[in-house]
Amino acid sequence: MNAETQNKINQLSLMEQNLQNFAMQKQHFQAQLMEFESAENELKDSKEAFKIIGNIMVSRDKAELQKEVAEKKELIQKRIESFEKQEGKIKEKAEALQKEVLDEMKKSEKA
């Protein structure tokens, strides 16, 4: 196997590691999104609203807290979308690189 092919294999390995990191980070953000969705549902049905700041819970205006939760939820959704786009680009590059490596390996076997 020539050096160029070995380099491409190493690049594929790095891409795979990046994809795994993206998956873990995306999963973390998806868990946060679920928490914000749960908070939104709880706020809809409650008469009072509280926010935990540090080690204490303070009373907050319900509408203000709903707005804050909705903004944070939107931010998390945008982050997830960004991760999905980056993930897609890396997958496309990895597939193309993998095809190149396989083609080169087939050529070297025939030679």
PDB file of N, CA and C in Angstrom:
ATOM      1  N   MET A   1       0.858  -1.178   0.000  1.00  0.00           N
ATOM      2  CA  MET A   1       0.000   0.000   0.000  1.00  0.00           C
ATOM      3  C   MET A   1       0.904   1.241   0.000  1.00  0.00           C
ATOM      4  N   ASN A   2       0.592   2.174  -0.888  1.00  0.00           N
ATOM      5  CA  ASN A   2       1.456   3.355  -0.974  1.00  0.00           C
ATOM      6  C   ASN A   2       1.128   4.368   0.134  1.00  0.00           C
ATOM      7  N   ALA A   3       2.003   5.360   0.263  1.00  0.00           N
ATOM      8  CA  ALA A   3       1.878   6.352   1.339  1.00  0.00           C
ATOM      9  C   ALA A   3       0.609   7.187   1.203  1.00  0.00           C
ATOM     10  N   GLU A   4       0.239   7.497  -0.024  1.00  0.00           N
ATOM     11  CA  GLU A   4      -0.972   8.305  -0.237  1.00  0.00           C
ATOM     12  C   GLU A   4      -2.215   7.560   0.236  1.00  0.00           C
ATOM     13  N   THR A   5      -2.294   6.288  -0.062  1.00  0.00           N
ATOM     14  CA  THR A   5      -3.436   5.477   0.373  1.00  0.00           C
ATOM     15  C   THR A   5      -3.460   5.372   1.895  1.00  0.00           C
ATOM     16  N   GLN A   6      -2.288   5.175   2.483  1.00  0.00           N
ATOM     17  CA  GLN A   6      -2.216   5.095   3.946  1.00  0.00           C
ATOM     18  C   GLN A   6      -2.662   6.419   4.574  1.00  0.00           C
ATOM     19  N   ASN A   7      -2.283   7.532   3.965  1.00  0.00           N
ATOM     20  CA  ASN A   7      -2.693   8.848   4.453  1.00  0.00           C
ATOM     21  C   ASN A   7      -4.214   8.999   4.398  1.00  0.00           C
ATOM     22  N   LYS A   8      -4.808   8.511   3.320  1.00  0.00           N
ATOM     23  CA  LYS A   8      -6.267   8.585   3.176  1.00  0.00           C
ATOM     24  C   LYS A   8      -6.957   7.712   4.226  1.00  0.00           C
ATOM     25  N   ILE A   9      -6.381   6.572   4.523  1.00  0.00           N
ATOM     26  CA  ILE A   9      -6.943   5.696   5.559  1.00  0.00           C
ATOM     27  C   ILE A   9      -6.882   6.394   6.917  1.00  0.00           C
ATOM     28  N   ASN A  10      -5.779   7.070   7.176  1.00  0.00           N
ATOM     29  CA  ASN A  10      -5.653   7.827   8.434  1.00  0.00           C
ATOM     30  C   ASN A  10      -6.696   8.947   8.496  1.00  0.00           C
ATOM     31  N   GLN A  11      -6.922   9.614   7.363  1.00  0.00           N
ATOM     32  CA  GLN A  11      -7.945  10.666   7.310  1.00  0.00           C
ATOM     33  C   GLN A  11      -9.331  10.093   7.593  1.00  0.00           C
ATOM     34  N   LEU A  12      -9.606   8.908   7.051  1.00  0.00           N
ATOM     35  CA  LEU A  12     -10.887   8.246   7.314  1.00  0.00           C
ATOM     36  C   LEU A  12     -11.055   7.950   8.800  1.00  0.00           C
ATOM     37  N   SER A  13      -9.980   7.527   9.424  1.00  0.00           N
ATOM     38  CA  SER A  13     -10.017   7.232  10.849  1.00  0.00           C
ATOM     39  C   SER A  13     -10.332   8.499  11.657  1.00  0.00           C
ATOM     40  N   LEU A  14      -9.703   9.611  11.292  1.00  0.00           N
ATOM     41  CA  LEU A  14      -9.976  10.882  11.970  1.00  0.00           C
ATOM     42  C   LEU A  14     -11.417  11.330  11.744  1.00  0.00           C
ATOM     43  N   MET A  15     -11.915  11.144  10.537  1.00  0.00           N
ATOM     44  CA  MET A  15     -13.302  11.503  10.250  1.00  0.00           C
ATOM     45  C   MET A  15     -14.261  10.689  11.102  1.00  0.00           C
ATOM     46  N   GLU A  16     -13.959   9.421  11.274  1.00  0.00           N
ATOM     47  CA  GLU A  16     -14.800   8.548  12.100  1.00  0.00           C
ATOM     48  C   GLU A  16     -14.803   9.029  13.551  1.00  0.00           C
ATOM     49  N   GLN A  17     -13.638   9.417  14.054  1.00  0.00           N
ATOM     50  CA  GLN A  17     -13.565   9.954  15.410  1.00  0.00           C
ATOM     51  C   GLN A  17     -14.375  11.246  15.531  1.00  0.00           C
ATOM     52  N   ASN A  18     -14.275  12.118  14.518  1.00  0.00           N
ATOM     53  CA  ASN A  18     -15.051  13.362  14.521  1.00  0.00           C
ATOM     54  C   ASN A  18     -16.553  13.070  14.528  1.00  0.00           C
ATOM     55  N   LEU A  19     -16.966  12.093  13.742  1.00  0.00           N
ATOM     56  CA  LEU A  19     -18.382  11.728  13.704  1.00  0.00           C
ATOM     57  C   LEU A  19     -18.860  11.225  15.064  1.00  0.00           C
ATOM     58  N   GLN A  20     -18.016  10.457  15.739  1.00  0.00           N
ATOM     59  CA  GLN A  20     -18.375   9.968  17.069  1.00  0.00           C
ATOM     60  C   GLN A  20     -18.495  11.131  18.055  1.00  0.00           C
ATOM     61  N   ASN A  21     -17.572  12.094  17.963  1.00  0.00           N
ATOM     62  CA  ASN A  21     -17.642  13.269  18.835  1.00  0.00           C
ATOM     63  C   ASN A  21     -18.902  14.080  18.560  1.00  0.00           C
ATOM     64  N   PHE A  22     -19.219  14.263  17.284  1.00  0.00           N
ATOM     65  CA  PHE A  22     -20.442  14.984  16.930  1.00  0.00           C
ATOM     66  C   PHE A  22     -21.667  14.272  17.484  1.00  0.00           C
ATOM     67  N   ALA A  23     -21.685  12.970  17.378  1.00  0.00           N
ATOM     68  CA  ALA A  23     -22.829  12.192  17.864  1.00  0.00           C
ATOM     69  C   ALA A  23     -23.006  12.370  19.367  1.00  0.00           C
ATOM     70  N   MET A  24     -21.905  12.342  20.112  1.00  0.00           N
ATOM     71  CA  MET A  24     -21.990  12.526  21.564  1.00  0.00           C
ATOM     72  C   MET A  24     -22.470  13.934  21.916  1.00  0.00           C
ATOM     73  N   GLN A  25     -21.927  14.929  21.240  1.00  0.00           N
ATOM     74  CA  GLN A  25     -22.328  16.309  21.513  1.00  0.00           C
ATOM     75  C   GLN A  25     -23.792  16.531  21.131  1.00  0.00           C
ATOM     76  N   LYS A  26     -24.195  15.977  19.999  1.00  0.00           N
ATOM     77  CA  LYS A  26     -25.580  16.117  19.558  1.00  0.00           C
ATOM     78  C   LYS A  26     -26.522  15.458  20.556  1.00  0.00           C
ATOM     79  N   GLN A  27     -26.128  14.314  21.063  1.00  0.00           N
ATOM     80  CA  GLN A  27     -26.940  13.605  22.051  1.00  0.00           C
ATOM     81  C   GLN A  27     -27.088  14.445  23.318  1.00  0.00           C
ATOM     82  N   HIS A  28     -26.011  15.109  23.725  1.00  0.00           N
ATOM     83  CA  HIS A  28     -26.047  15.988  24.901  1.00  0.00           C
ATOM     84  C   HIS A  28     -27.045  17.128  24.672  1.00  0.00           C
ATOM     85  N   PHE A  29     -26.994  17.747  23.497  1.00  0.00           N
ATOM     86  CA  PHE A  29     -27.913  18.842  23.199  1.00  0.00           C
ATOM     87  C   PHE A  29     -29.354  18.348  23.081  1.00  0.00           C
ATOM     88  N   GLN A  30     -29.539  17.147  22.563  1.00  0.00           N
ATOM     89  CA  GLN A  30     -30.890  16.600  22.463  1.00  0.00           C
ATOM     90  C   GLN A  30     -31.478  16.363  23.860  1.00  0.00           C
ATOM     91  N   ALA A  31     -30.648  15.952  24.803  1.00  0.00           N
ATOM     92  CA  ALA A  31     -31.107  15.779  26.186  1.00  0.00           C
ATOM     93  C   ALA A  31     -31.510  17.135  26.769  1.00  0.00           C
ATOM     94  N   GLN A  32     -30.724  18.168  26.494  1.00  0.00           N
ATOM     95  CA  GLN A  32     -31.072  19.508  26.958  1.00  0.00           C
ATOM     96  C   GLN A  32     -32.380  19.977  26.329  1.00  0.00           C
ATOM     97  N   LEU A  33     -32.556  19.689  25.050  1.00  0.00           N
ATOM     98  CA  LEU A  33     -33.781  20.074  24.359  1.00  0.00           C
ATOM     99  C   LEU A  33     -34.993  19.429  25.024  1.00  0.00           C
ATOM    100  N   MET A  34     -34.873  18.169  25.378  1.00  0.00           N
ATOM    101  CA  MET A  34     -35.971  17.476  26.058  1.00  0.00           C
ATOM    102  C   MET A  34     -36.280  18.138  27.401  1.00  0.00           C
ATOM    103  N   GLU A  35     -35.249  18.574  28.113  1.00  0.00           N
ATOM    104  CA  GLU A  35     -35.454  19.258  29.390  1.00  0.00           C
ATOM    105  C   GLU A  35     -36.209  20.566  29.192  1.00  0.00           C
ATOM    106  N   PHE A  36     -35.832  21.330  28.155  1.00  0.00           N
ATOM    107  CA  PHE A  36     -36.515  22.591  27.895  1.00  0.00           C
ATOM    108  C   PHE A  36     -37.959  22.366  27.459  1.00  0.00           C
ATOM    109  N   GLU A  37     -38.198  21.318  26.676  1.00  0.00           N
ATOM    110  CA  GLU A  37     -39.567  20.998  26.265  1.00  0.00           C
ATOM    111  C   GLU A  37     -40.401  20.613  27.475  1.00  0.00           C
ATOM    112  N   SER A  38     -39.810  19.865  28.378  1.00  0.00           N
ATOM    113  CA  SER A  38     -40.496  19.486  29.608  1.00  0.00           C
ATOM    114  C   SER A  38     -40.796  20.726  30.461  1.00  0.00           C
ATOM    115  N   ALA A  39     -39.826  21.629  30.552  1.00  0.00           N
ATOM    116  CA  ALA A  39     -40.026  22.867  31.311  1.00  0.00           C
ATOM    117  C   ALA A  39     -41.150  23.702  30.702  1.00  0.00           C
ATOM    118  N   GLU A  40     -41.195  23.764  29.363  1.00  0.00           N
ATOM    119  CA  GLU A  40     -42.276  24.499  28.695  1.00  0.00           C
ATOM    120  C   GLU A  40     -43.639  23.920  29.054  1.00  0.00           C
ATOM    121  N   ASN A  41     -43.739  22.609  29.030  1.00  0.00           N
ATOM    122  CA  ASN A  41     -45.009  21.949  29.359  1.00  0.00           C
ATOM    123  C   ASN A  41     -45.412  22.212  30.803  1.00  0.00           C
ATOM    124  N   GLU A  42     -44.451  22.168  31.700  1.00  0.00           N
ATOM    125  CA  GLU A  42     -44.742  22.425  33.110  1.00  0.00           C
ATOM    126  C   GLU A  42     -45.191  23.872  33.323  1.00  0.00           C
ATOM    127  N   LEU A  43     -44.554  24.792  32.623  1.00  0.00           N
ATOM    128  CA  LEU A  43     -44.911  26.204  32.771  1.00  0.00           C
ATOM    129  C   LEU A  43     -46.314  26.498  32.255  1.00  0.00           C
ATOM    130  N   LYS A  44     -46.740  25.783  31.216  1.00  0.00           N
ATOM    131  CA  LYS A  44     -48.087  25.990  30.657  1.00  0.00           C
ATOM    132  C   LYS A  44     -49.158  25.718  31.707  1.00  0.00           C
ATOM    133  N   ASP A  45     -48.944  24.673  32.501  1.00  0.00           N
ATOM    134  CA  ASP A  45     -49.957  24.223  33.443  1.00  0.00           C
ATOM    135  C   ASP A  45     -49.823  24.835  34.837  1.00  0.00           C
ATOM    136  N   SER A  46     -48.754  25.558  35.087  1.00  0.00           N
ATOM    137  CA  SER A  46     -48.529  26.074  36.443  1.00  0.00           C
ATOM    138  C   SER A  46     -49.042  27.493  36.595  1.00  0.00           C
ATOM    139  N   LYS A  47     -49.358  27.837  37.834  1.00  0.00           N
ATOM    140  CA  LYS A  47     -49.792  29.201  38.139  1.00  0.00           C
ATOM    141  C   LYS A  47     -48.609  30.062  38.547  1.00  0.00           C
ATOM    142  N   GLU A  48     -47.608  29.417  39.158  1.00  0.00           N
ATOM    143  CA  GLU A  48     -46.409  30.121  39.597  1.00  0.00           C
ATOM    144  C   GLU A  48     -45.209  29.593  38.831  1.00  0.00           C
ATOM    145  N   ALA A  49     -44.182  30.427  38.760  1.00  0.00           N
ATOM    146  CA  ALA A  49     -42.968  30.014  38.063  1.00  0.00           C
ATOM    147  C   ALA A  49     -41.764  30.293  38.945  1.00  0.00           C
ATOM    148  N   PHE A  50     -40.838  29.356  38.957  1.00  0.00           N
ATOM    149  CA  PHE A  50     -39.622  29.486  39.750  1.00  0.00           C
ATOM    150  C   PHE A  50     -38.420  29.141  38.884  1.00  0.00           C
ATOM    151  N   LYS A  51     -37.299  29.717  39.236  1.00  0.00           N
ATOM    152  CA  LYS A  51     -36.054  29.432  38.536  1.00  0.00           C
ATOM    153  C   LYS A  51     -34.995  29.122  39.576  1.00  0.00           C
ATOM    154  N   ILE A  52     -34.200  28.108  39.289  1.00  0.00           N
ATOM    155  CA  ILE A  52     -33.111  27.752  40.196  1.00  0.00           C
ATOM    156  C   ILE A  52     -31.875  28.547  39.787  1.00  0.00           C
ATOM    157  N   ILE A  53     -31.360  29.296  40.737  1.00  0.00           N
ATOM    158  CA  ILE A  53     -30.142  30.078  40.521  1.00  0.00           C
ATOM    159  C   ILE A  53     -29.156  29.655  41.605  1.00  0.00           C
ATOM    160  N   GLY A  54     -28.115  28.964  41.155  1.00  0.00           N
ATOM    161  CA  GLY A  54     -27.154  28.444  42.134  1.00  0.00           C
ATOM    162  C   GLY A  54     -27.831  27.391  42.991  1.00  0.00           C
ATOM    163  N   ASN A  55     -27.845  27.624  44.295  1.00  0.00           N
ATOM    164  CA  ASN A  55     -28.449  26.662  45.229  1.00  0.00           C
ATOM    165  C   ASN A  55     -29.819  27.102  45.726  1.00  0.00           C
ATOM    166  N   ILE A  56     -30.368  28.171  45.147  1.00  0.00           N
ATOM    167  CA  ILE A  56     -31.670  28.653  45.615  1.00  0.00           C
ATOM    168  C   ILE A  56     -32.674  28.704  44.472  1.00  0.00           C
ATOM    169  N   MET A  57     -33.932  28.652  44.855  1.00  0.00           N
ATOM    170  CA  MET A  57     -35.016  28.740  43.886  1.00  0.00           C
ATOM    171  C   MET A  57     -35.720  30.075  44.134  1.00  0.00           C
ATOM    172  N   VAL A  58     -35.855  30.873  43.066  1.00  0.00           N
ATOM    173  CA  VAL A  58     -36.493  32.174  43.205  1.00  0.00           C
ATOM    174  C   VAL A  58     -37.740  32.247  42.332  1.00  0.00           C
ATOM    175  N   SER A  59     -38.709  32.999  42.804  1.00  0.00           N
ATOM    176  CA  SER A  59     -39.938  33.201  42.058  1.00  0.00           C
ATOM    177  C   SER A  59     -39.653  34.115  40.876  1.00  0.00           C
ATOM    178  N   ARG A  60     -40.250  33.786  39.727  1.00  0.00           N
ATOM    179  CA  ARG A  60     -40.054  34.590  38.520  1.00  0.00           C
ATOM    180  C   ARG A  60     -41.397  34.817  37.855  1.00  0.00           C
ATOM    181  N   ASP A  61     -41.465  35.862  37.064  1.00  0.00           N
ATOM    182  CA  ASP A  61     -42.652  36.112  36.269  1.00  0.00           C
ATOM    183  C   ASP A  61     -42.799  34.965  35.268  1.00  0.00           C
ATOM    184  N   LYS A  62     -43.988  34.377  35.227  1.00  0.00           N
ATOM    185  CA  LYS A  62     -44.212  33.198  34.392  1.00  0.00           C
ATOM    186  C   LYS A  62     -43.950  33.495  32.913  1.00  0.00           C
ATOM    187  N   ALA A  63     -44.467  34.603  32.408  1.00  0.00           N
ATOM    188  CA  ALA A  63     -44.297  34.942  30.992  1.00  0.00           C
ATOM    189  C   ALA A  63     -42.829  35.162  30.658  1.00  0.00           C
ATOM    190  N   GLU A  64     -42.119  35.809  31.560  1.00  0.00           N
ATOM    191  CA  GLU A  64     -40.686  36.058  31.349  1.00  0.00           C
ATOM    192  C   GLU A  64     -39.912  34.748  31.314  1.00  0.00           C
ATOM    193  N   LEU A  65     -40.253  33.856  32.214  1.00  0.00           N
ATOM    194  CA  LEU A  65     -39.573  32.566  32.265  1.00  0.00           C
ATOM    195  C   LEU A  65     -39.919  31.721  31.032  1.00  0.00           C
ATOM    196  N   GLN A  66     -41.162  31.782  30.584  1.00  0.00           N
ATOM    197  CA  GLN A  66     -41.557  31.050  29.376  1.00  0.00           C
ATOM    198  C   GLN A  66     -40.768  31.556  28.166  1.00  0.00           C
ATOM    199  N   LYS A  67     -40.600  32.870  28.079  1.00  0.00           N
ATOM    200  CA  LYS A  67     -39.840  33.452  26.979  1.00  0.00           C
ATOM    201  C   LYS A  67     -38.386  32.986  27.036  1.00  0.00           C
ATOM    202  N   GLU A  68     -37.803  32.990  28.226  1.00  0.00           N
ATOM    203  CA  GLU A  68     -36.408  32.562  28.403  1.00  0.00           C
ATOM    204  C   GLU A  68     -36.226  31.104  27.999  1.00  0.00           C
ATOM    205  N   VAL A  69     -37.144  30.257  28.422  1.00  0.00           N
ATOM    206  CA  VAL A  69     -37.075  28.832  28.082  1.00  0.00           C
ATOM    207  C   VAL A  69     -37.216  28.638  26.573  1.00  0.00           C
ATOM    208  N   ALA A  70     -38.139  29.372  25.954  1.00  0.00           N
ATOM    209  CA  ALA A  70     -38.336  29.256  24.503  1.00  0.00           C
ATOM    210  C   ALA A  70     -37.086  29.699  23.742  1.00  0.00           C
ATOM    211  N   GLU A  71     -36.430  30.758  24.202  1.00  0.00           N
ATOM    212  CA  GLU A  71     -35.204  31.234  23.548  1.00  0.00           C
ATOM    213  C   GLU A  71     -34.079  30.220  23.670  1.00  0.00           C
ATOM    214  N   LYS A  72     -33.934  29.646  24.861  1.00  0.00           N
ATOM    215  CA  LYS A  72     -32.886  28.644  25.064  1.00  0.00           C
ATOM    216  C   LYS A  72     -33.169  27.396  24.243  1.00  0.00           C
ATOM    217  N   LYS A  73     -34.442  27.029  24.161  1.00  0.00           N
ATOM    218  CA  LYS A  73     -34.832  25.859  23.371  1.00  0.00           C
ATOM    219  C   LYS A  73     -34.499  26.092  21.895  1.00  0.00           C
ATOM    220  N   GLU A  74     -34.795  27.280  21.389  1.00  0.00           N
ATOM    221  CA  GLU A  74     -34.503  27.609  19.997  1.00  0.00           C
ATOM    222  C   GLU A  74     -32.998  27.558  19.724  1.00  0.00           C
ATOM    223  N   LEU A  75     -32.205  28.065  20.656  1.00  0.00           N
ATOM    224  CA  LEU A  75     -30.753  28.033  20.516  1.00  0.00           C
ATOM    225  C   LEU A  75     -30.242  26.595  20.450  1.00  0.00           C
ATOM    226  N   ILE A  76     -30.761  25.747  21.312  1.00  0.00           N
ATOM    227  CA  ILE A  76     -30.360  24.335  21.327  1.00  0.00           C
ATOM    228  C   ILE A  76     -30.751  23.671  20.007  1.00  0.00           C
ATOM    229  N   GLN A  77     -31.945  23.978  19.497  1.00  0.00           N
ATOM    230  CA  GLN A  77     -32.381  23.401  18.229  1.00  0.00           C
ATOM    231  C   GLN A  77     -31.449  23.814  17.092  1.00  0.00           C
ATOM    232  N   LYS A  78     -31.020  25.068  17.093  1.00  0.00           N
ATOM    233  CA  LYS A  78     -30.099  25.535  16.056  1.00  0.00           C
ATOM    234  C   LYS A  78     -28.748  24.833  16.167  1.00  0.00           C
ATOM    235  N   ARG A  79     -28.296  24.607  17.391  1.00  0.00           N
ATOM    236  CA  ARG A  79     -27.027  23.884  17.576  1.00  0.00           C
ATOM    237  C   ARG A  79     -27.134  22.466  17.049  1.00  0.00           C
ATOM    238  N   ILE A  80     -28.252  21.819  17.331  1.00  0.00           N
ATOM    239  CA  ILE A  80     -28.462  20.445  16.847  1.00  0.00           C
ATOM    240  C   ILE A  80     -28.464  20.426  15.323  1.00  0.00           C
ATOM    241  N   GLU A  81     -29.160  21.387  14.710  1.00  0.00           N
ATOM    242  CA  GLU A  81     -29.188  21.469  13.244  1.00  0.00           C
ATOM    243  C   GLU A  81     -27.781  21.677  12.685  1.00  0.00           C
ATOM    244  N   SER A  82     -26.997  22.516  13.353  1.00  0.00           N
ATOM    245  CA  SER A  82     -25.622  22.771  12.920  1.00  0.00           C
ATOM    246  C   SER A  82     -24.790  21.490  12.985  1.00  0.00           C
ATOM    247  N   PHE A  83     -24.936  20.747  14.084  1.00  0.00           N
ATOM    248  CA  PHE A  83     -24.211  19.484  14.212  1.00  0.00           C
ATOM    249  C   PHE A  83     -24.636  18.514  13.112  1.00  0.00           C
ATOM    250  N   GLU A  84     -25.920  18.482  12.803  1.00  0.00           N
ATOM    251  CA  GLU A  84     -26.399  17.565  11.774  1.00  0.00           C
ATOM    252  C   GLU A  84     -25.832  17.926  10.401  1.00  0.00           C
ATOM    253  N   LYS A  85     -25.741  19.238  10.103  1.00  0.00           N
ATOM    254  CA  LYS A  85     -25.157  19.663   8.835  1.00  0.00           C
ATOM    255  C   LYS A  85     -23.681  19.286   8.761  1.00  0.00           C
ATOM    256  N   GLN A  86     -22.944  19.556   9.838  1.00  0.00           N
ATOM    257  CA  GLN A  86     -21.518  19.221   9.860  1.00  0.00           C
ATOM    258  C   GLN A  86     -21.330  17.717   9.749  1.00  0.00           C
ATOM    259  N   GLU A  87     -22.177  16.984  10.426  1.00  0.00           N
ATOM    260  CA  GLU A  87     -22.123  15.528  10.377  1.00  0.00           C
ATOM    261  C   GLU A  87     -22.335  15.033   8.947  1.00  0.00           C
ATOM    262  N   GLY A  88     -23.316  15.620   8.270  1.00  0.00           N
ATOM    263  CA  GLY A  88     -23.611  15.237   6.894  1.00  0.00           C
ATOM    264  C   GLY A  88     -22.447  15.504   5.962  1.00  0.00           C
ATOM    265  N   LYS A  89     -21.805  16.664   6.127  1.00  0.00           N
ATOM    266  CA  LYS A  89     -20.653  17.000   5.285  1.00  0.00           C
ATOM    267  C   LYS A  89     -19.505  16.031   5.512  1.00  0.00           C
ATOM    268  N   ILE A  90     -19.247  15.711   6.762  1.00  0.00           N
ATOM    269  CA  ILE A  90     -18.153  14.778   7.073  1.00  0.00           C
ATOM    270  C   ILE A  90     -18.469  13.392   6.500  1.00  0.00           C
ATOM    271  N   LYS A  91     -19.732  12.971   6.624  1.00  0.00           N
ATOM    272  CA  LYS A  91     -20.108  11.660   6.081  1.00  0.00           C
ATOM    273  C   LYS A  91     -19.898  11.612   4.571  1.00  0.00           C
ATOM    274  N   GLU A  92     -20.280  12.695   3.877  1.00  0.00           N
ATOM    275  CA  GLU A  92     -20.097  12.739   2.423  1.00  0.00           C
ATOM    276  C   GLU A  92     -18.621  12.645   2.062  1.00  0.00           C
ATOM    277  N   LYS A  93     -17.790  13.430   2.765  1.00  0.00           N
ATOM    278  CA  LYS A  93     -16.349  13.400   2.494  1.00  0.00           C
ATOM    279  C   LYS A  93     -15.772  12.025   2.798  1.00  0.00           C
ATOM    280  N   ALA A  94     -16.222  11.430   3.886  1.00  0.00           N
ATOM    281  CA  ALA A  94     -15.709  10.113   4.270  1.00  0.00           C
ATOM    282  C   ALA A  94     -16.098   9.053   3.238  1.00  0.00           C
ATOM    283  N   GLU A  95     -17.317   9.119   2.750  1.00  0.00           N
ATOM    284  CA  GLU A  95     -17.758   8.152   1.746  1.00  0.00           C
ATOM    285  C   GLU A  95     -16.940   8.287   0.464  1.00  0.00           C
ATOM    286  N   ALA A  96     -16.700   9.535   0.052  1.00  0.00           N
ATOM    287  CA  ALA A  96     -15.899   9.765  -1.166  1.00  0.00           C
ATOM    288  C   ALA A  96     -14.473   9.269  -0.968  1.00  0.00           C
ATOM    289  N   LEU A  97     -13.906   9.564   0.181  1.00  0.00           N
ATOM    290  CA  LEU A  97     -12.537   9.135   0.481  1.00  0.00           C
ATOM    291  C   LEU A  97     -12.451   7.613   0.570  1.00  0.00           C
ATOM    292  N   GLN A  98     -13.463   7.007   1.162  1.00  0.00           N
ATOM    293  CA  GLN A  98     -13.486   5.550   1.278  1.00  0.00           C
ATOM    294  C   GLN A  98     -13.545   4.909  -0.109  1.00  0.00           C
ATOM    295  N   LYS A  99     -14.334   5.497  -1.000  1.00  0.00           N
ATOM    296  CA  LYS A  99     -14.427   4.978  -2.366  1.00  0.00           C
ATOM    297  C   LYS A  99     -13.063   5.079  -3.053  1.00  0.00           C
ATOM    298  N   GLU A 100     -12.383   6.224  -2.870  1.00  0.00           N
ATOM    299  CA  GLU A 100     -11.051   6.395  -3.457  1.00  0.00           C
ATOM    300  C   GLU A 100     -10.091   5.326  -2.946  1.00  0.00           C
ATOM    301  N   VAL A 101     -10.106   5.101  -1.643  1.00  0.00           N
ATOM    302  CA  VAL A 101      -9.194   4.112  -1.042  1.00  0.00           C
ATOM    303  C   VAL A 101      -9.490   2.721  -1.583  1.00  0.00           C
ATOM    304  N   LEU A 102     -10.768   2.379  -1.645  1.00  0.00           N
ATOM    305  CA  LEU A 102     -11.129   1.051  -2.165  1.00  0.00           C
ATOM    306  C   LEU A 102     -10.714   0.886  -3.618  1.00  0.00           C
ATOM    307  N   ASP A 103     -10.899   1.934  -4.423  1.00  0.00           N
ATOM    308  CA  ASP A 103     -10.498   1.878  -5.822  1.00  0.00           C
ATOM    309  C   ASP A 103      -8.997   1.700  -5.937  1.00  0.00           C
ATOM    310  N   GLU A 104      -8.235   2.444  -5.141  1.00  0.00           N
ATOM    311  CA  GLU A 104      -6.770   2.323  -5.153  1.00  0.00           C
ATOM    312  C   GLU A 104      -6.309   0.946  -4.705  1.00  0.00           C
ATOM    313  N   MET A 105      -6.995   0.389  -3.721  1.00  0.00           N
ATOM    314  CA  MET A 105      -6.618  -0.945  -3.240  1.00  0.00           C
ATOM    315  C   MET A 105      -6.910  -1.991  -4.307  1.00  0.00           C
ATOM    316  N   LYS A 106      -8.035  -1.836  -5.013  1.00  0.00           N
ATOM    317  CA  LYS A 106      -8.371  -2.788  -6.084  1.00  0.00           C
ATOM    318  C   LYS A 106      -7.352  -2.705  -7.207  1.00  0.00           C
ATOM    319  N   LYS A 107      -6.928  -1.482  -7.550  1.00  0.00           N
ATOM    320  CA  LYS A 107      -5.938  -1.295  -8.598  1.00  0.00           C
ATOM    321  C   LYS A 107      -4.603  -1.931  -8.193  1.00  0.00           C
ATOM    322  N   SER A 108      -4.224  -1.772  -6.941  1.00  0.00           N
ATOM    323  CA  SER A 108      -2.924  -2.315  -6.496  1.00  0.00           C
ATOM    324  C   SER A 108      -2.975  -3.841  -6.432  1.00  0.00           C
ATOM    325  N   GLU A 109      -4.151  -4.408  -6.178  1.00  0.00           N
ATOM    326  CA  GLU A 109      -4.276  -5.867  -6.168  1.00  0.00           C
ATOM    327  C   GLU A 109      -4.138  -6.442  -7.574  1.00  0.00           C
ATOM    328  N   LYS A 110      -4.661  -5.716  -8.566  1.00  0.00           N
ATOM    329  CA  LYS A 110      -4.598  -6.188  -9.961  1.00  0.00           C
ATOM    330  C   LYS A 110      -3.178  -6.080 -10.520  1.00  0.00           C
ATOM    331  N   ALA A 111      -2.427  -5.110 -10.000  1.00  0.00           N
ATOM    332  CA  ALA A 111      -1.087  -4.884 -10.533  1.00  0.00           C
ATOM    333  C   ALA A 111      -0.078  -5.894 -10.070  1.00  0.00           C
TER     334      ALA A 111
END
